[in-house]
Amino acid sequence: MKNGIHPAYRPVVFRDKAAGLSFLTRSTLTSASTVVWEDGTVRPVVDVETSSASHPVWTGRARVLDQAGRIEQYRRRYGRD
């Protein structure tokens, strides 16, 4: 890798405000806001709208589509049984 052309890769806290979850990972994202992490260090924080703690698929709150209605619509449209 060439020196000086890549962004800094450092620990960043991602915070899901909808679920109240924060997790520490490494990223190249930057942020002007900071937070004191569990170990006492000050880390940049990035607020996200959705994470695994609030996404409907991961939490089990996903809506089930009307599969039977779609199949019947397909059969009516294309005449297949």
C-alpha atoms as a PDB file:
ATOM      1  CA  MET A   1       0.000   0.000   0.000  1.00  0.00           C
ATOM      2  CA  LYS A   2       1.189   3.495  -0.764  1.00  0.00           C
ATOM      3  CA  ASN A   3       1.821   5.760   2.185  1.00  0.00           C
ATOM      4  CA  GLY A   4      -0.235   8.912   2.642  1.00  0.00           C
ATOM      5  CA  ILE A   5      -3.177   8.093   0.330  1.00  0.00           C
ATOM      6  CA  HIS A   6      -5.379   6.058   2.662  1.00  0.00           C
ATOM      7  CA  PRO A   7      -7.644   7.511   5.377  1.00  0.00           C
ATOM      8  CA  ALA A   8      -6.818   6.832   9.010  1.00  0.00           C
ATOM      9  CA  TYR A   9      -8.241   3.528  10.285  1.00  0.00           C
ATOM     10  CA  ARG A  10      -8.986   3.880  13.986  1.00  0.00           C
ATOM     11  CA  PRO A  11     -11.448   2.820  16.713  1.00  0.00           C
ATOM     12  CA  VAL A  12     -14.870   4.499  16.353  1.00  0.00           C
ATOM     13  CA  VAL A  13     -18.040   4.090  18.417  1.00  0.00           C
ATOM     14  CA  PHE A  14     -21.244   3.516  16.450  1.00  0.00           C
ATOM     15  CA  ARG A  15     -24.400   4.428  18.361  1.00  0.00           C
ATOM     16  CA  ASP A  16     -27.905   3.285  17.430  1.00  0.00           C
ATOM     17  CA  LYS A  17     -30.147   5.826  19.112  1.00  0.00           C
ATOM     18  CA  ALA A  18     -33.352   3.903  18.329  1.00  0.00           C
ATOM     19  CA  ALA A  19     -32.214   0.818  20.245  1.00  0.00           C
ATOM     20  CA  GLY A  20     -29.835   2.435  22.722  1.00  0.00           C
ATOM     21  CA  LEU A  21     -26.957   0.232  21.593  1.00  0.00           C
ATOM     22  CA  SER A  22     -23.363   1.389  21.196  1.00  0.00           C
ATOM     23  CA  PHE A  23     -20.517  -0.709  19.888  1.00  0.00           C
ATOM     24  CA  LEU A  24     -16.841  -0.106  19.276  1.00  0.00           C
ATOM     25  CA  THR A  25     -15.234  -1.094  16.003  1.00  0.00           C
ATOM     26  CA  ARG A  26     -12.555   0.188  13.660  1.00  0.00           C
ATOM     27  CA  SER A  27     -13.485   2.475  10.802  1.00  0.00           C
ATOM     28  CA  THR A  28     -12.249   5.259   8.549  1.00  0.00           C
ATOM     29  CA  LEU A  29     -15.292   7.435   9.320  1.00  0.00           C
ATOM     30  CA  THR A  30     -14.690  10.706  11.105  1.00  0.00           C
ATOM     31  CA  SER A  31     -16.951  12.612  13.455  1.00  0.00           C
ATOM     32  CA  ALA A  32     -16.782  15.895  15.332  1.00  0.00           C
ATOM     33  CA  SER A  33     -18.701  14.466  18.306  1.00  0.00           C
ATOM     34  CA  THR A  34     -17.014  12.249  20.856  1.00  0.00           C
ATOM     35  CA  VAL A  35     -18.041   9.958  23.701  1.00  0.00           C
ATOM     36  CA  VAL A  36     -16.220   8.477  26.674  1.00  0.00           C
ATOM     37  CA  TRP A  37     -16.132   4.720  26.082  1.00  0.00           C
ATOM     38  CA  GLU A  38     -16.383   2.028  28.782  1.00  0.00           C
ATOM     39  CA  ASP A  39     -12.600   1.851  29.208  1.00  0.00           C
ATOM     40  CA  GLY A  40     -12.402   5.617  29.882  1.00  0.00           C
ATOM     41  CA  THR A  41     -10.958   6.672  26.528  1.00  0.00           C
ATOM     42  CA  VAL A  42     -12.528   9.408  24.429  1.00  0.00           C
ATOM     43  CA  ARG A  43     -13.592   8.046  21.035  1.00  0.00           C
ATOM     44  CA  PRO A  44     -15.326   9.617  18.030  1.00  0.00           C
ATOM     45  CA  VAL A  45     -18.988   8.594  17.815  1.00  0.00           C
ATOM     46  CA  VAL A  46     -21.128   8.087  14.703  1.00  0.00           C
ATOM     47  CA  ASP A  47     -24.908   7.978  15.139  1.00  0.00           C
ATOM     48  CA  VAL A  48     -26.679   5.446  12.908  1.00  0.00           C
ATOM     49  CA  GLU A  49     -30.372   4.992  12.193  1.00  0.00           C
ATOM     50  CA  THR A  50     -30.382   1.205  12.008  1.00  0.00           C
ATOM     51  CA  SER A  51     -28.197  -1.530  13.430  1.00  0.00           C
ATOM     52  CA  SER A  52     -28.682  -5.194  14.206  1.00  0.00           C
ATOM     53  CA  ALA A  53     -30.396  -4.163  17.452  1.00  0.00           C
ATOM     54  CA  SER A  54     -33.150  -2.184  15.705  1.00  0.00           C
ATOM     55  CA  HIS A  55     -33.458  -3.695  12.214  1.00  0.00           C
ATOM     56  CA  PRO A  56     -36.774  -5.573  11.824  1.00  0.00           C
ATOM     57  CA  VAL A  57     -35.184  -8.605  10.169  1.00  0.00           C
ATOM     58  CA  TRP A  58     -32.671  -9.093  12.973  1.00  0.00           C
ATOM     59  CA  THR A  59     -35.129  -8.405  15.795  1.00  0.00           C
ATOM     60  CA  GLY A  60     -37.904 -10.644  14.458  1.00  0.00           C
ATOM     61  CA  ARG A  61     -40.357  -7.790  13.933  1.00  0.00           C
ATOM     62  CA  ALA A  62     -40.298  -8.069  10.139  1.00  0.00           C
ATOM     63  CA  ARG A  63     -43.646  -8.002   8.400  1.00  0.00           C
ATOM     64  CA  VAL A  64     -44.608 -11.138   6.519  1.00  0.00           C
ATOM     65  CA  LEU A  65     -45.856 -10.370   3.040  1.00  0.00           C
ATOM     66  CA  ASP A  66     -49.029 -11.926   1.729  1.00  0.00           C
ATOM     67  CA  GLN A  67     -47.376 -14.826  -0.095  1.00  0.00           C
ATOM     68  CA  ALA A  68     -50.643 -16.613  -0.905  1.00  0.00           C
ATOM     69  CA  GLY A  69     -52.058 -13.492  -2.528  1.00  0.00           C
ATOM     70  CA  ARG A  70     -48.979 -13.064  -4.678  1.00  0.00           C
ATOM     71  CA  ILE A  71     -49.088 -16.672  -5.842  1.00  0.00           C
ATOM     72  CA  GLU A  72     -52.774 -16.414  -6.750  1.00  0.00           C
ATOM     73  CA  GLN A  73     -52.124 -13.167  -8.614  1.00  0.00           C
ATOM     74  CA  TYR A  74     -49.342 -14.865 -10.585  1.00  0.00           C
ATOM     75  CA  ARG A  75     -51.596 -17.805 -11.446  1.00  0.00           C
ATOM     76  CA  ARG A  76     -54.418 -15.512 -12.603  1.00  0.00           C
ATOM     77  CA  ARG A  77     -52.060 -13.410 -14.675  1.00  0.00           C
ATOM     78  CA  TYR A  78     -50.193 -16.242 -16.381  1.00  0.00           C
ATOM     79  CA  GLY A  79     -52.776 -19.032 -16.144  1.00  0.00           C
ATOM     80  CA  ARG A  80     -50.567 -21.538 -14.397  1.00  0.00           C
ATOM     81  CA  ASP A  81     -51.674 -24.067 -11.833  1.00  0.00           C
END
